[in-house]
Amino acid sequence: MKIVLNPGHGPKNSGVFDPGAVGPAGTREADVNLAVAKLLQPLLEATGAQVLLIRDGDLGDVVSQANASGADYFISIHCNAASSSAAHGTETYIYKADSQAKKLAEAIQAAAAAELGTADRGVKTADFYVLRKTAMPALLIELAFVSNPEEEGLLSDQDIQRRIALTLADTIITQLGINPRSDDGVT
C-alpha cells in the first residue's frame, strides 16, 4: 500500500512560504498540517505501508509527484478558517460523491471529530485542485478551524497533534485493511 500525505501549504516555487490560514494567536496552518503529517507518516510506515510526504512546490507539482508515485491513496491535511471566529468543527472533502475515497473519508471524518471533540461537519464534495487532478482516490481533511480561538488552541497543542495522528493512523489502517507487521517483519 502506498499513501501520499500532503500537509497543505508551505514552500512554493516562487520561494515564498505560504503559511495558509493564521489563527488569532498566530498559529500557522502550514505548521499544524506538517506536524500532524510528520507524526502520522511513521505510524503508517510501521505497518509496512509506503508513505510519501509531498508538500513543497505549487499545487501542480504536488499533484504531479503524487500521480508519478503510483500511490493508492492521497490524503491532504489542512486546518479550516473563516471570517467569523465562531465557525467551528471538522470536515472532510472528496471530489465526487461516488468517489472511491468516500468510505475512507467518512471513517476519517467521524474519528477525527470524535478525537478532537469538534462538531462533525460531515463529508462534502468540492472541486479542489488536489482532489480533481490526482489519479488515485483522494480526500482532504480540515481538522478544525484555526480562526476559532478554542480550536486554534487544540490545533497548536502537541499532545492533541499526536493524538489526532494516532487516530488518523488507526482509521487508515483499519479502513484500508493494512496488516501491521509482526515482530519478525512478515505481514
C-alpha atoms as a PDB file:
ATOM      1  CA  MET A   1       0.000   0.000   0.000  1.00  0.00           C
ATOM      2  CA  LYS A   2       1.384   3.381  -0.997  1.00  0.00           C
ATOM      3  CA  ILE A   3      -0.083   6.544   0.524  1.00  0.00           C
ATOM      4  CA  VAL A   4       0.695  10.171  -0.241  1.00  0.00           C
ATOM      5  CA  LEU A   5       0.375  12.530   2.701  1.00  0.00           C
ATOM      6  CA  ASN A   6       0.067  16.162   1.682  1.00  0.00           C
ATOM      7  CA  PRO A   7       0.345  18.653   4.541  1.00  0.00           C
ATOM      8  CA  GLY A   8      -1.251  21.668   2.912  1.00  0.00           C
ATOM      9  CA  HIS A   9       0.614  24.946   2.365  1.00  0.00           C
ATOM     10  CA  GLY A  10       4.342  25.616   2.842  1.00  0.00           C
ATOM     11  CA  PRO A  11       7.211  26.456   0.472  1.00  0.00           C
ATOM     12  CA  LYS A  12       6.230  27.418  -3.088  1.00  0.00           C
ATOM     13  CA  ASN A  13       8.228  27.529  -6.324  1.00  0.00           C
ATOM     14  CA  SER A  14       8.433  31.315  -6.114  1.00  0.00           C
ATOM     15  CA  GLY A  15      10.432  30.963  -2.909  1.00  0.00           C
ATOM     16  CA  VAL A  16       7.550  32.383  -0.912  1.00  0.00           C
ATOM     17  CA  PHE A  17       6.322  30.455   2.118  1.00  0.00           C
ATOM     18  CA  ASP A  18       2.535  30.031   2.160  1.00  0.00           C
ATOM     19  CA  PRO A  19       1.505  29.823   5.834  1.00  0.00           C
ATOM     20  CA  GLY A  20      -2.108  29.012   4.982  1.00  0.00           C
ATOM     21  CA  ALA A  21      -4.593  30.448   7.437  1.00  0.00           C
ATOM     22  CA  VAL A  22      -3.215  32.085  10.574  1.00  0.00           C
ATOM     23  CA  GLY A  23      -5.125  31.942  13.844  1.00  0.00           C
ATOM     24  CA  PRO A  24      -5.751  34.858  16.215  1.00  0.00           C
ATOM     25  CA  ALA A  25      -2.836  33.746  18.427  1.00  0.00           C
ATOM     26  CA  GLY A  26      -0.542  33.369  15.403  1.00  0.00           C
ATOM     27  CA  THR A  27      -0.795  29.606  14.807  1.00  0.00           C
ATOM     28  CA  ARG A  28       0.060  28.943  11.168  1.00  0.00           C
ATOM     29  CA  GLU A  29      -1.985  26.317   9.375  1.00  0.00           C
ATOM     30  CA  ALA A  30       1.080  25.096   7.445  1.00  0.00           C
ATOM     31  CA  ASP A  31       2.896  24.321  10.703  1.00  0.00           C
ATOM     32  CA  VAL A  32      -0.006  22.301  12.150  1.00  0.00           C
ATOM     33  CA  ASN A  33      -0.514  20.393   8.888  1.00  0.00           C
ATOM     34  CA  LEU A  34       3.171  19.461   8.709  1.00  0.00           C
ATOM     35  CA  ALA A  35       3.376  18.480  12.387  1.00  0.00           C
ATOM     36  CA  VAL A  36       0.408  16.107  12.091  1.00  0.00           C
ATOM     37  CA  ALA A  37       1.698  14.607   8.821  1.00  0.00           C
ATOM     38  CA  LYS A  38       5.179  14.034  10.279  1.00  0.00           C
ATOM     39  CA  LEU A  39       3.632  12.232  13.251  1.00  0.00           C
ATOM     40  CA  LEU A  40       1.311  10.202  11.014  1.00  0.00           C
ATOM     41  CA  GLN A  41       3.956   9.105   8.498  1.00  0.00           C
ATOM     42  CA  PRO A  42       5.978   6.765  10.774  1.00  0.00           C
ATOM     43  CA  LEU A  43       2.802   5.286  12.251  1.00  0.00           C
ATOM     44  CA  LEU A  44       1.692   4.192   8.787  1.00  0.00           C
ATOM     45  CA  GLU A  45       5.200   3.120   7.776  1.00  0.00           C
ATOM     46  CA  ALA A  46       5.370   0.857  10.834  1.00  0.00           C
ATOM     47  CA  THR A  47       2.679  -1.278   9.167  1.00  0.00           C
ATOM     48  CA  GLY A  48       4.780  -1.701   6.045  1.00  0.00           C
ATOM     49  CA  ALA A  49       2.915   0.935   4.045  1.00  0.00           C
ATOM     50  CA  GLN A  50       4.991   3.179   1.805  1.00  0.00           C
ATOM     51  CA  VAL A  51       4.297   6.799   2.702  1.00  0.00           C
ATOM     52  CA  LEU A  52       5.360   9.775   0.638  1.00  0.00           C
ATOM     53  CA  LEU A  53       5.128  13.182   2.258  1.00  0.00           C
ATOM     54  CA  ILE A  54       4.677  15.724  -0.534  1.00  0.00           C
ATOM     55  CA  ARG A  55       4.436  19.378   0.440  1.00  0.00           C
ATOM     56  CA  ASP A  56       6.866  21.656  -1.367  1.00  0.00           C
ATOM     57  CA  GLY A  57       6.050  23.381  -4.625  1.00  0.00           C
ATOM     58  CA  ASP A  58       2.905  24.627  -6.265  1.00  0.00           C
ATOM     59  CA  LEU A  59      -0.256  22.516  -6.394  1.00  0.00           C
ATOM     60  CA  GLY A  60       0.609  21.268  -9.876  1.00  0.00           C
ATOM     61  CA  ASP A  61       3.939  19.973  -8.553  1.00  0.00           C
ATOM     62  CA  VAL A  62       2.272  18.225  -5.628  1.00  0.00           C
ATOM     63  CA  VAL A  63      -0.254  16.521  -7.911  1.00  0.00           C
ATOM     64  CA  SER A  64       2.395  15.578 -10.494  1.00  0.00           C
ATOM     65  CA  GLN A  65       4.579  13.969  -7.827  1.00  0.00           C
ATOM     66  CA  ALA A  66       1.600  12.134  -6.351  1.00  0.00           C
ATOM     67  CA  ASN A  67       0.473  10.833  -9.735  1.00  0.00           C
ATOM     68  CA  ALA A  68       4.017   9.794 -10.700  1.00  0.00           C
ATOM     69  CA  SER A  69       4.366   7.862  -7.422  1.00  0.00           C
ATOM     70  CA  GLY A  70       1.673   5.347  -8.297  1.00  0.00           C
ATOM     71  CA  ALA A  71       0.146   5.825  -4.849  1.00  0.00           C
ATOM     72  CA  ASP A  72      -3.042   4.041  -3.849  1.00  0.00           C
ATOM     73  CA  TYR A  73      -4.433   6.982  -1.832  1.00  0.00           C
ATOM     74  CA  PHE A  74      -3.852  10.718  -1.452  1.00  0.00           C
ATOM     75  CA  ILE A  75      -4.613  12.345   1.906  1.00  0.00           C
ATOM     76  CA  SER A  76      -4.307  16.108   2.250  1.00  0.00           C
ATOM     77  CA  ILE A  77      -4.207  17.559   5.773  1.00  0.00           C
ATOM     78  CA  HIS A  78      -5.455  21.093   6.421  1.00  0.00           C
ATOM     79  CA  CYS A  79      -6.905  23.428   9.034  1.00  0.00           C
ATOM     80  CA  ASN A  80     -10.005  25.389   8.199  1.00  0.00           C
ATOM     81  CA  ALA A  81     -10.573  29.144   8.558  1.00  0.00           C
ATOM     82  CA  ALA A  82     -13.467  31.552   8.259  1.00  0.00           C
ATOM     83  CA  SER A  83     -14.052  35.259   8.599  1.00  0.00           C
ATOM     84  CA  SER A  84     -16.160  34.556  11.684  1.00  0.00           C
ATOM     85  CA  SER A  85     -14.210  33.324  14.707  1.00  0.00           C
ATOM     86  CA  ALA A  86     -17.352  31.416  15.728  1.00  0.00           C
ATOM     87  CA  ALA A  87     -17.007  28.941  12.815  1.00  0.00           C
ATOM     88  CA  HIS A  88     -16.014  25.555  14.209  1.00  0.00           C
ATOM     89  CA  GLY A  89     -15.804  21.854  13.521  1.00  0.00           C
ATOM     90  CA  THR A  90     -14.140  19.196  11.412  1.00  0.00           C
ATOM     91  CA  GLU A  91     -14.979  18.430   7.790  1.00  0.00           C
ATOM     92  CA  THR A  92     -13.586  16.221   5.054  1.00  0.00           C
ATOM     93  CA  TYR A  93     -13.767  16.674   1.303  1.00  0.00           C
ATOM     94  CA  ILE A  94     -13.790  14.333  -1.674  1.00  0.00           C
ATOM     95  CA  TYR A  95     -14.143  15.263  -5.348  1.00  0.00           C
ATOM     96  CA  LYS A  96     -17.322  13.332  -6.201  1.00  0.00           C
ATOM     97  CA  ALA A  97     -19.998  11.715  -4.046  1.00  0.00           C
ATOM     98  CA  ASP A  98     -19.328   8.342  -5.697  1.00  0.00           C
ATOM     99  CA  SER A  99     -15.579   8.618  -5.160  1.00  0.00           C
ATOM    100  CA  GLN A 100     -13.593   5.546  -4.158  1.00  0.00           C
ATOM    101  CA  ALA A 101     -12.297   7.691  -1.289  1.00  0.00           C
ATOM    102  CA  LYS A 102     -15.775   8.154   0.218  1.00  0.00           C
ATOM    103  CA  LYS A 103     -15.672   5.244   2.690  1.00  0.00           C
ATOM    104  CA  LEU A 104     -12.217   6.256   3.962  1.00  0.00           C
ATOM    105  CA  ALA A 105     -13.286   9.926   4.110  1.00  0.00           C
ATOM    106  CA  GLU A 106     -16.373   9.047   6.177  1.00  0.00           C
ATOM    107  CA  ALA A 107     -14.327   6.976   8.622  1.00  0.00           C
ATOM    108  CA  ILE A 108     -11.607   9.627   8.960  1.00  0.00           C
ATOM    109  CA  GLN A 109     -14.214  12.368   9.403  1.00  0.00           C
ATOM    110  CA  ALA A 110     -16.041  10.535  12.201  1.00  0.00           C
ATOM    111  CA  ALA A 111     -12.855   9.507  14.015  1.00  0.00           C
ATOM    112  CA  ALA A 112     -11.185  12.926  13.797  1.00  0.00           C
ATOM    113  CA  ALA A 113     -14.266  14.831  15.002  1.00  0.00           C
ATOM    114  CA  ALA A 114     -14.670  12.401  17.905  1.00  0.00           C
ATOM    115  CA  GLU A 115     -10.993  12.608  18.903  1.00  0.00           C
ATOM    116  CA  LEU A 116     -10.877  16.394  18.708  1.00  0.00           C
ATOM    117  CA  GLY A 117     -14.302  16.812  20.308  1.00  0.00           C
ATOM    118  CA  THR A 118     -15.298  19.140  17.487  1.00  0.00           C
ATOM    119  CA  ALA A 119     -18.587  19.462  15.627  1.00  0.00           C
ATOM    120  CA  ASP A 120     -18.886  16.874  12.857  1.00  0.00           C
ATOM    121  CA  ARG A 121     -19.492  18.969   9.745  1.00  0.00           C
ATOM    122  CA  GLY A 122     -19.534  15.842   7.574  1.00  0.00           C
ATOM    123  CA  VAL A 123     -18.029  14.682   4.318  1.00  0.00           C
ATOM    124  CA  LYS A 124     -18.599  17.060   1.433  1.00  0.00           C
ATOM    125  CA  THR A 125     -17.713  17.245  -2.230  1.00  0.00           C
ATOM    126  CA  ALA A 126     -15.523  20.033  -3.577  1.00  0.00           C
ATOM    127  CA  ASP A 127     -13.732  20.934  -6.775  1.00  0.00           C
ATOM    128  CA  PHE A 128     -10.366  21.339  -5.050  1.00  0.00           C
ATOM    129  CA  TYR A 129      -7.409  21.025  -7.425  1.00  0.00           C
ATOM    130  CA  VAL A 130      -5.681  18.295  -5.412  1.00  0.00           C
ATOM    131  CA  LEU A 131      -8.867  16.222  -5.351  1.00  0.00           C
ATOM    132  CA  ARG A 132      -9.763  16.756  -9.008  1.00  0.00           C
ATOM    133  CA  LYS A 133      -6.310  16.241 -10.509  1.00  0.00           C
ATOM    134  CA  THR A 134      -4.956  13.270  -8.535  1.00  0.00           C
ATOM    135  CA  ALA A 135      -5.159   9.912 -10.293  1.00  0.00           C
ATOM    136  CA  MET A 136      -5.836   7.955  -7.098  1.00  0.00           C
ATOM    137  CA  PRO A 137      -8.678   8.158  -4.558  1.00  0.00           C
ATOM    138  CA  ALA A 138      -8.132  11.424  -2.691  1.00  0.00           C
ATOM    139  CA  LEU A 139      -9.504  13.231   0.336  1.00  0.00           C
ATOM    140  CA  LEU A 140      -8.792  16.467   2.140  1.00  0.00           C
ATOM    141  CA  ILE A 141      -9.458  16.803   5.856  1.00  0.00           C
ATOM    142  CA  GLU A 142      -9.961  20.150   7.566  1.00  0.00           C
ATOM    143  CA  LEU A 143      -9.050  19.180  11.139  1.00  0.00           C
ATOM    144  CA  ALA A 144     -10.606  22.226  12.836  1.00  0.00           C
ATOM    145  CA  PHE A 145     -10.846  25.996  12.447  1.00  0.00           C
ATOM    146  CA  VAL A 146      -7.575  27.759  13.184  1.00  0.00           C
ATOM    147  CA  SER A 147      -9.590  31.001  13.049  1.00  0.00           C
ATOM    148  CA  ASN A 148     -11.612  29.878  16.098  1.00  0.00           C
ATOM    149  CA  PRO A 149      -9.630  30.676  19.292  1.00  0.00           C
ATOM    150  CA  GLU A 150     -10.714  27.485  21.085  1.00  0.00           C
ATOM    151  CA  GLU A 151      -9.974  25.237  18.133  1.00  0.00           C
ATOM    152  CA  GLU A 152      -6.698  27.070  17.458  1.00  0.00           C
ATOM    153  CA  GLY A 153      -5.706  26.025  20.980  1.00  0.00           C
ATOM    154  CA  LEU A 154      -6.421  22.391  20.110  1.00  0.00           C
ATOM    155  CA  LEU A 155      -4.553  22.560  16.807  1.00  0.00           C
ATOM    156  CA  SER A 156      -1.427  24.114  18.341  1.00  0.00           C
ATOM    157  CA  ASP A 157      -1.256  21.593  21.223  1.00  0.00           C
ATOM    158  CA  GLN A 158       1.465  18.999  20.526  1.00  0.00           C
ATOM    159  CA  ASP A 159      -0.330  16.321  22.547  1.00  0.00           C
ATOM    160  CA  ILE A 160      -3.505  16.874  20.508  1.00  0.00           C
ATOM    161  CA  GLN A 161      -1.454  16.715  17.300  1.00  0.00           C
ATOM    162  CA  ARG A 162      -0.031  13.358  18.438  1.00  0.00           C
ATOM    163  CA  ARG A 163      -3.485  12.058  19.363  1.00  0.00           C
ATOM    164  CA  ILE A 164      -5.021  13.084  16.045  1.00  0.00           C
ATOM    165  CA  ALA A 165      -2.123  11.440  14.160  1.00  0.00           C
ATOM    166  CA  LEU A 166      -2.731   8.209  16.103  1.00  0.00           C
ATOM    167  CA  THR A 167      -6.451   8.411  15.372  1.00  0.00           C
ATOM    168  CA  LEU A 168      -5.854   9.022  11.674  1.00  0.00           C
ATOM    169  CA  ALA A 169      -3.355   6.155  11.526  1.00  0.00           C
ATOM    170  CA  ASP A 170      -5.708   3.702  13.246  1.00  0.00           C
ATOM    171  CA  THR A 171      -8.558   4.699  10.955  1.00  0.00           C
ATOM    172  CA  ILE A 172      -6.498   4.473   7.760  1.00  0.00           C
ATOM    173  CA  ILE A 173      -5.022   1.111   8.770  1.00  0.00           C
ATOM    174  CA  THR A 174      -8.455  -0.314   9.593  1.00  0.00           C
ATOM    175  CA  GLN A 175     -10.290   1.090   6.568  1.00  0.00           C
ATOM    176  CA  LEU A 176      -7.623   0.144   4.036  1.00  0.00           C
ATOM    177  CA  GLY A 177      -7.031  -3.281   5.558  1.00  0.00           C
ATOM    178  CA  ILE A 178      -3.350  -2.663   6.126  1.00  0.00           C
ATOM    179  CA  ASN A 179      -1.964  -5.527   8.181  1.00  0.00           C
ATOM    180  CA  PRO A 180       0.577  -4.365  10.762  1.00  0.00           C
ATOM    181  CA  ARG A 181       3.951  -6.070  10.575  1.00  0.00           C
ATOM    182  CA  SER A 182       4.688  -8.784  13.063  1.00  0.00           C
ATOM    183  CA  ASP A 183       7.900  -8.655  15.114  1.00  0.00           C
ATOM    184  CA  ASP A 184       9.753 -10.696  12.514  1.00  0.00           C
ATOM    185  CA  GLY A 185       8.901  -8.197   9.762  1.00  0.00           C
ATOM    186  CA  VAL A 186       6.464 -10.511   8.000  1.00  0.00           C
ATOM    187  CA  THR A 187       2.985  -9.147   7.347  1.00  0.00           C
END
